[in-house]
C-alpha atoms as a PDB file:
ATOM      1  CA  MET A   1      14.364 -19.322 -14.759  1.00  0.00           C
ATOM      2  CA  GLU A   2      12.416 -18.014 -17.957  1.00  0.00           C
ATOM      3  CA  ILE A   3       9.337 -16.182 -17.879  1.00  0.00           C
ATOM      4  CA  SER A   4       6.686 -15.624 -20.606  1.00  0.00           C
ATOM      5  CA  ALA A   5       7.085 -13.277 -23.206  1.00  0.00           C
ATOM      6  CA  GLU A   6       4.290 -11.138 -22.194  1.00  0.00           C
ATOM      7  CA  GLN A   7       5.279 -10.727 -18.759  1.00  0.00           C
ATOM      8  CA  TRP A   8       9.097  -9.835 -19.801  1.00  0.00           C
ATOM      9  CA  TYR A   9       7.883  -5.680 -19.025  1.00  0.00           C
ATOM     10  CA  ARG A  10       7.517  -7.008 -15.387  1.00  0.00           C
ATOM     11  CA  ILE A  11      11.556  -7.524 -14.959  1.00  0.00           C
ATOM     12  CA  LEU A  12      12.501  -3.597 -16.163  1.00  0.00           C
ATOM     13  CA  ALA A  13      11.067  -2.617 -12.846  1.00  0.00           C
ATOM     14  CA  PRO A  14      11.143  -0.665 -10.927  1.00  0.00           C
ATOM     15  CA  ARG A  15       9.847   2.267 -13.173  1.00  0.00           C
ATOM     16  CA  ALA A  16       8.934   5.505 -12.766  1.00  0.00           C
ATOM     17  CA  VAL A  17       4.983   6.165 -12.322  1.00  0.00           C
ATOM     18  CA  VAL A  18       3.691   9.367 -13.319  1.00  0.00           C
ATOM     19  CA  LEU A  19       0.228  10.693 -12.795  1.00  0.00           C
ATOM     20  CA  VAL A  20      -1.313  12.405 -16.536  1.00  0.00           C
ATOM     21  CA  SER A  21      -3.592  15.074 -16.088  1.00  0.00           C
ATOM     22  CA  THR A  22      -5.802  15.637 -19.179  1.00  0.00           C
ATOM     23  CA  ILE A  23      -9.288  17.929 -19.443  1.00  0.00           C
ATOM     24  CA  ASN A  24     -12.033  16.873 -21.936  1.00  0.00           C
ATOM     25  CA  ASN A  25     -13.487  18.955 -23.951  1.00  0.00           C
ATOM     26  CA  LYS A  26     -16.306  20.369 -21.292  1.00  0.00           C
ATOM     27  CA  GLY A  27     -13.015  21.245 -19.259  1.00  0.00           C
ATOM     28  CA  VAL A  28     -13.306  18.474 -16.541  1.00  0.00           C
ATOM     29  CA  SER A  29     -10.051  17.083 -15.059  1.00  0.00           C
ATOM     30  CA  ASN A  30      -8.573  13.432 -15.490  1.00  0.00           C
ATOM     31  CA  ALA A  31      -5.896  11.907 -14.045  1.00  0.00           C
ATOM     32  CA  ALA A  32      -4.239   8.480 -14.718  1.00  0.00           C
ATOM     33  CA  PRO A  33      -0.806   6.782 -13.407  1.00  0.00           C
ATOM     34  CA  PHE A  34       1.301   5.065 -16.274  1.00  0.00           C
ATOM     35  CA  SER A  35       4.660   3.834 -16.100  1.00  0.00           C
ATOM     36  CA  PHE A  36       5.351   3.027 -19.483  1.00  0.00           C
ATOM     37  CA  VAL A  37       7.140   6.211 -19.388  1.00  0.00           C
ATOM     38  CA  MET A  38       9.950   7.995 -21.081  1.00  0.00           C
ATOM     39  CA  PRO A  39      11.909  10.578 -22.336  1.00  0.00           C
ATOM     40  CA  CYS A  40      12.702  10.287 -25.905  1.00  0.00           C
ATOM     41  CA  SER A  41      14.210  13.261 -27.249  1.00  0.00           C
ATOM     42  CA  VAL A  42      16.235  16.576 -25.868  1.00  0.00           C
ATOM     43  CA  LYS A  43      16.255  18.742 -29.026  1.00  0.00           C
ATOM     44  CA  PRO A  44      13.172  19.304 -29.203  1.00  0.00           C
ATOM     45  CA  PRO A  45      12.350  18.144 -25.301  1.00  0.00           C
ATOM     46  CA  LEU A  46       9.880  14.803 -26.061  1.00  0.00           C
ATOM     47  CA  ILE A  47       8.626  12.820 -23.498  1.00  0.00           C
ATOM     48  CA  GLU A  48       6.190   9.838 -24.184  1.00  0.00           C
ATOM     49  CA  PHE A  49       4.096   7.203 -22.294  1.00  0.00           C
ATOM     50  CA  SER A  50       2.211   4.204 -23.321  1.00  0.00           C
ATOM     51  CA  SER A  51      -1.366   3.753 -22.790  1.00  0.00           C
ATOM     52  CA  ALA A  52      -4.330   1.107 -23.602  1.00  0.00           C
ATOM     53  CA  PRO A  53      -5.845   3.187 -26.407  1.00  0.00           C
ATOM     54  CA  GLY A  54      -9.500   3.170 -24.454  1.00  0.00           C
ATOM     55  CA  HIS A  55      -8.323   5.227 -21.535  1.00  0.00           C
ATOM     56  CA  HIS A  56      -9.646   8.627 -21.189  1.00  0.00           C
ATOM     57  CA  THR A  57      -6.463  10.072 -20.755  1.00  0.00           C
ATOM     58  CA  VAL A  58      -5.760   9.422 -24.409  1.00  0.00           C
ATOM     59  CA  LYS A  59      -9.174  10.358 -25.574  1.00  0.00           C
ATOM     60  CA  ASN A  60      -8.788  13.563 -23.902  1.00  0.00           C
ATOM     61  CA  ILE A  61      -5.242  14.432 -25.095  1.00  0.00           C
ATOM     62  CA  LEU A  62      -6.335  13.555 -28.784  1.00  0.00           C
ATOM     63  CA  LYS A  63      -8.875  15.840 -28.671  1.00  0.00           C
ATOM     64  CA  THR A  64      -7.142  18.948 -26.703  1.00  0.00           C
ATOM     65  CA  LYS A  65      -3.836  18.290 -27.667  1.00  0.00           C
ATOM     66  CA  GLU A  66      -2.265  18.795 -24.182  1.00  0.00           C
ATOM     67  CA  PHE A  67      -1.492  17.044 -21.101  1.00  0.00           C
ATOM     68  CA  VAL A  68       0.547  17.357 -17.800  1.00  0.00           C
ATOM     69  CA  VAL A  69       3.092  14.628 -16.532  1.00  0.00           C
ATOM     70  CA  ASN A  70       3.017  15.205 -13.185  1.00  0.00           C
ATOM     71  CA  ILE A  71       5.972  13.155 -10.732  1.00  0.00           C
ATOM     72  CA  PRO A  72       4.531  11.807  -7.415  1.00  0.00           C
ATOM     73  CA  GLY A  73       6.449  11.416  -4.539  1.00  0.00           C
ATOM     74  CA  GLU A  74       5.767   8.543  -1.611  1.00  0.00           C
ATOM     75  CA  ALA A  75       3.422  10.478   0.332  1.00  0.00           C
ATOM     76  CA  LEU A  76       1.004  10.071  -2.669  1.00  0.00           C
ATOM     77  CA  ALA A  77       0.824   6.017  -3.244  1.00  0.00           C
ATOM     78  CA  GLU A  78      -2.525   5.822  -2.134  1.00  0.00           C
ATOM     79  CA  LYS A  79      -4.195   8.763  -4.369  1.00  0.00           C
ATOM     80  CA  LEU A  80      -2.280   7.924  -7.094  1.00  0.00           C
ATOM     81  CA  TRP A  81      -4.254   4.154  -6.934  1.00  0.00           C
ATOM     82  CA  VAL A  82      -7.419   6.047  -6.554  1.00  0.00           C
ATOM     83  CA  CYS A  83      -6.654   7.946  -9.711  1.00  0.00           C
ATOM     84  CA  GLY A  84      -6.047   4.431 -11.341  1.00  0.00           C
ATOM     85  CA  SER A  85      -9.536   3.636 -10.219  1.00  0.00           C
ATOM     86  CA  ASP A  86     -12.014   3.147 -13.192  1.00  0.00           C
ATOM     87  CA  PHE A  87     -14.509   6.193 -12.932  1.00  0.00           C
ATOM     88  CA  PRO A  88     -17.099   6.914 -15.278  1.00  0.00           C
ATOM     89  CA  GLU A  89     -16.063   9.565 -18.407  1.00  0.00           C
ATOM     90  CA  GLY A  90     -16.658  13.020 -16.872  1.00  0.00           C
ATOM     91  CA  VAL A  91     -15.702  11.611 -13.392  1.00  0.00           C
ATOM     92  CA  SER A  92     -12.390  13.829 -11.771  1.00  0.00           C
ATOM     93  CA  GLU A  93     -10.102  11.466 -10.404  1.00  0.00           C
ATOM     94  CA  ILE A  94      -7.862  14.401  -8.845  1.00  0.00           C
ATOM     95  CA  LYS A  95     -11.082  15.395  -6.883  1.00  0.00           C
ATOM     96  CA  LYS A  96     -11.926  11.903  -6.091  1.00  0.00           C
ATOM     97  CA  ALA A  97      -8.339  11.289  -4.839  1.00  0.00           C
ATOM     98  CA  GLY A  98      -8.596  14.561  -2.662  1.00  0.00           C
ATOM     99  CA  LEU A  99      -5.795  15.967  -4.761  1.00  0.00           C
ATOM    100  CA  THR A 100      -5.544  19.595  -5.619  1.00  0.00           C
ATOM    101  CA  GLU A 101      -5.682  21.181  -9.193  1.00  0.00           C
ATOM    102  CA  ILE A 102      -3.119  24.052  -9.936  1.00  0.00           C
ATOM    103  CA  LYS A 103      -3.404  26.328 -13.011  1.00  0.00           C
ATOM    104  CA  SER A 104      -0.387  25.660 -15.655  1.00  0.00           C
ATOM    105  CA  MET A 105       1.157  28.042 -17.283  1.00  0.00           C
ATOM    106  CA  LYS A 106       1.352  26.953 -21.097  1.00  0.00           C
ATOM    107  CA  VAL A 107      -1.072  24.630 -20.924  1.00  0.00           C
ATOM    108  CA  LYS A 108      -5.276  24.392 -19.821  1.00  0.00           C
ATOM    109  CA  VAL A 109      -4.411  21.106 -18.408  1.00  0.00           C
ATOM    110  CA  PRO A 110      -4.212  21.565 -14.669  1.00  0.00           C
ATOM    111  CA  ALA A 111      -1.248  20.643 -13.053  1.00  0.00           C
ATOM    112  CA  ILE A 112      -1.272  18.322  -9.618  1.00  0.00           C
ATOM    113  CA  LYS A 113      -0.516  20.695  -6.475  1.00  0.00           C
ATOM    114  CA  GLU A 114       0.894  17.457  -4.389  1.00  0.00           C
ATOM    115  CA  CYS A 115       3.191  16.484  -7.178  1.00  0.00           C
ATOM    116  CA  LEU A 116       7.132  17.314  -6.691  1.00  0.00           C
ATOM    117  CA  ALA A 117       7.226  18.321 -10.098  1.00  0.00           C
ATOM    118  CA  TYR A 118       5.248  19.028 -13.509  1.00  0.00           C
ATOM    119  CA  ILE A 119       5.929  18.524 -17.045  1.00  0.00           C
ATOM    120  CA  GLU A 120       3.491  20.184 -19.188  1.00  0.00           C
ATOM    121  CA  CYS A 121       3.088  18.961 -22.661  1.00  0.00           C
ATOM    122  CA  LYS A 122       1.304  19.693 -26.113  1.00  0.00           C
ATOM    123  CA  LEU A 123       0.669  16.638 -28.567  1.00  0.00           C
ATOM    124  CA  PHE A 124       3.903  15.883 -30.420  1.00  0.00           C
ATOM    125  CA  ASP A 125       2.825  12.721 -32.322  1.00  0.00           C
ATOM    126  CA  LYS A 126       0.943   9.720 -31.710  1.00  0.00           C
ATOM    127  CA  PHE A 127       1.357   5.700 -32.839  1.00  0.00           C
ATOM    128  CA  LYS A 128      -0.240   2.335 -32.456  1.00  0.00           C
ATOM    129  CA  THR A 129       2.271   0.204 -30.718  1.00  0.00           C
ATOM    130  CA  GLY A 130       1.001  -3.252 -30.278  1.00  0.00           C
ATOM    131  CA  ASP A 131      -1.826  -3.452 -28.136  1.00  0.00           C
ATOM    132  CA  HIS A 132      -0.919   0.167 -26.764  1.00  0.00           C
ATOM    133  CA  ILE A 133      -0.653   3.871 -28.203  1.00  0.00           C
ATOM    134  CA  THR A 134       2.387   5.741 -27.664  1.00  0.00           C
ATOM    135  CA  ILE A 135       1.583   9.483 -26.872  1.00  0.00           C
ATOM    136  CA  VAL A 136       4.961  11.999 -27.609  1.00  0.00           C
ATOM    137  CA  GLY A 137       4.538  15.390 -25.978  1.00  0.00           C
ATOM    138  CA  LYS A 138       6.693  18.738 -26.589  1.00  0.00           C
ATOM    139  CA  VAL A 139       7.945  19.761 -23.015  1.00  0.00           C
ATOM    140  CA  VAL A 140       6.675  23.530 -23.052  1.00  0.00           C
ATOM    141  CA  ARG A 141       7.136  24.251 -19.432  1.00  0.00           C
ATOM    142  CA  THR A 142       8.907  22.379 -16.986  1.00  0.00           C
ATOM    143  CA  TYR A 143       8.511  22.775 -13.272  1.00  0.00           C
ATOM    144  CA  ILE A 144      10.172  21.089  -9.952  1.00  0.00           C
ATOM    145  CA  LYS A 145       9.487  22.282  -6.327  1.00  0.00           C
ATOM    146  CA  ASP A 146      12.246  23.776  -4.159  1.00  0.00           C
ATOM    147  CA  GLY A 147      14.497  22.000  -2.644  1.00  0.00           C
ATOM    148  CA  TYR A 148      14.426  19.188  -5.194  1.00  0.00           C
ATOM    149  CA  TYR A 149      16.730  20.025  -7.678  1.00  0.00           C
ATOM    150  CA  ALA A 150      20.405  22.327  -7.366  1.00  0.00           C
ATOM    151  CA  GLY A 151      22.630  23.054 -10.185  1.00  0.00           C
ATOM    152  CA  SER A 152      21.545  20.245 -12.603  1.00  0.00           C
ATOM    153  CA  SER A 153      20.944  17.517 -10.075  1.00  0.00           C
ATOM    154  CA  TYR A 154      17.836  15.956  -8.784  1.00  0.00           C
ATOM    155  CA  ASP A 155      17.844  15.012  -5.080  1.00  0.00           C
ATOM    156  CA  VAL A 156      15.856  11.848  -5.536  1.00  0.00           C
ATOM    157  CA  LEU A 157      16.968  11.084  -2.189  1.00  0.00           C
ATOM    158  CA  LYS A 158      14.782  13.889  -0.347  1.00  0.00           C
ATOM    159  CA  ALA A 159      12.220  13.519  -3.480  1.00  0.00           C
ATOM    160  CA  SER A 160      11.195   9.888  -2.957  1.00  0.00           C
ATOM    161  CA  PRO A 161       9.304   9.528  -6.192  1.00  0.00           C
ATOM    162  CA  LEU A 162       7.583   6.203  -6.923  1.00  0.00           C
ATOM    163  CA  MET A 163       9.116   3.547  -8.669  1.00  0.00           C
ATOM    164  CA  HIS A 164       5.972   1.273  -9.998  1.00  0.00           C
ATOM    165  CA  ILE A 165       7.304  -2.683  -9.213  1.00  0.00           C
ATOM    166  CA  GLY A 166       3.690  -4.182 -10.499  1.00  0.00           C
ATOM    167  CA  GLY A 167       0.264  -4.376  -8.975  1.00  0.00           C
ATOM    168  CA  LYS A 168      -0.002  -2.292  -6.188  1.00  0.00           C
ATOM    169  CA  ARG A 169       3.633  -2.716  -5.231  1.00  0.00           C
ATOM    170  CA  PHE A 170       5.776   0.450  -5.761  1.00  0.00           C
ATOM    171  CA  GLY A 171       9.211   1.086  -4.633  1.00  0.00           C
ATOM    172  CA  ILE A 172      11.225   4.392  -3.541  1.00  0.00           C
ATOM    173  CA  THR A 173      15.018   5.499  -4.000  1.00  0.00           C
ATOM    174  CA  GLY A 174      16.889   4.366  -0.355  1.00  0.00           C
ATOM    175  CA  LYS A 175      20.426   4.784  -2.030  1.00  0.00           C
ATOM    176  CA  ILE A 176      22.664   6.487  -4.480  1.00  0.00           C
ATOM    177  CA  VAL A 177      25.628   4.838  -6.368  1.00  0.00           C
ATOM    178  CA  GLU A 178      28.250   6.808  -7.942  1.00  0.00           C
ATOM    179  CA  VAL A 179      30.559   5.047 -10.843  1.00  0.00           C
ATOM    180  CA  LYS A 180      33.992   6.344 -10.185  1.00  0.00           C
END
């Protein structure tokens, strides 16, 4: 079956979904879900995500030069959807979703307490990519809650990170396949 070129990304599913938290110039927090996200360098440690350019998230990052990538688990699916709602600028999606802001260590932007992990970032680069803007952040600190990481392995079965399929549909990891 052939699908339209505009729908190509739907077959790259499920995709990891994150909540990117930011603050505006007045210090009001913002959080929005993104599934166009990936690591893009190890040395230096860089992560990137793409967004429609008009999002408050992008505007805040371009002003403050900082953001936090929060990794939500299955329990946050409904709250993640609230954060994706279109609130007026200056309204905290974190508070509207009933989530808890916690102080980050290396950036002024708060992390989200209920998330499994947090990646604190400083703006490294930005560039236009078609109808989106790609934001590249330099990772300055990473934190994962106890019990979800051992040695050099992320326990995805225990963590149940959300994977975006499309629209309001998400998947979670149910099985690990190891190549011999």
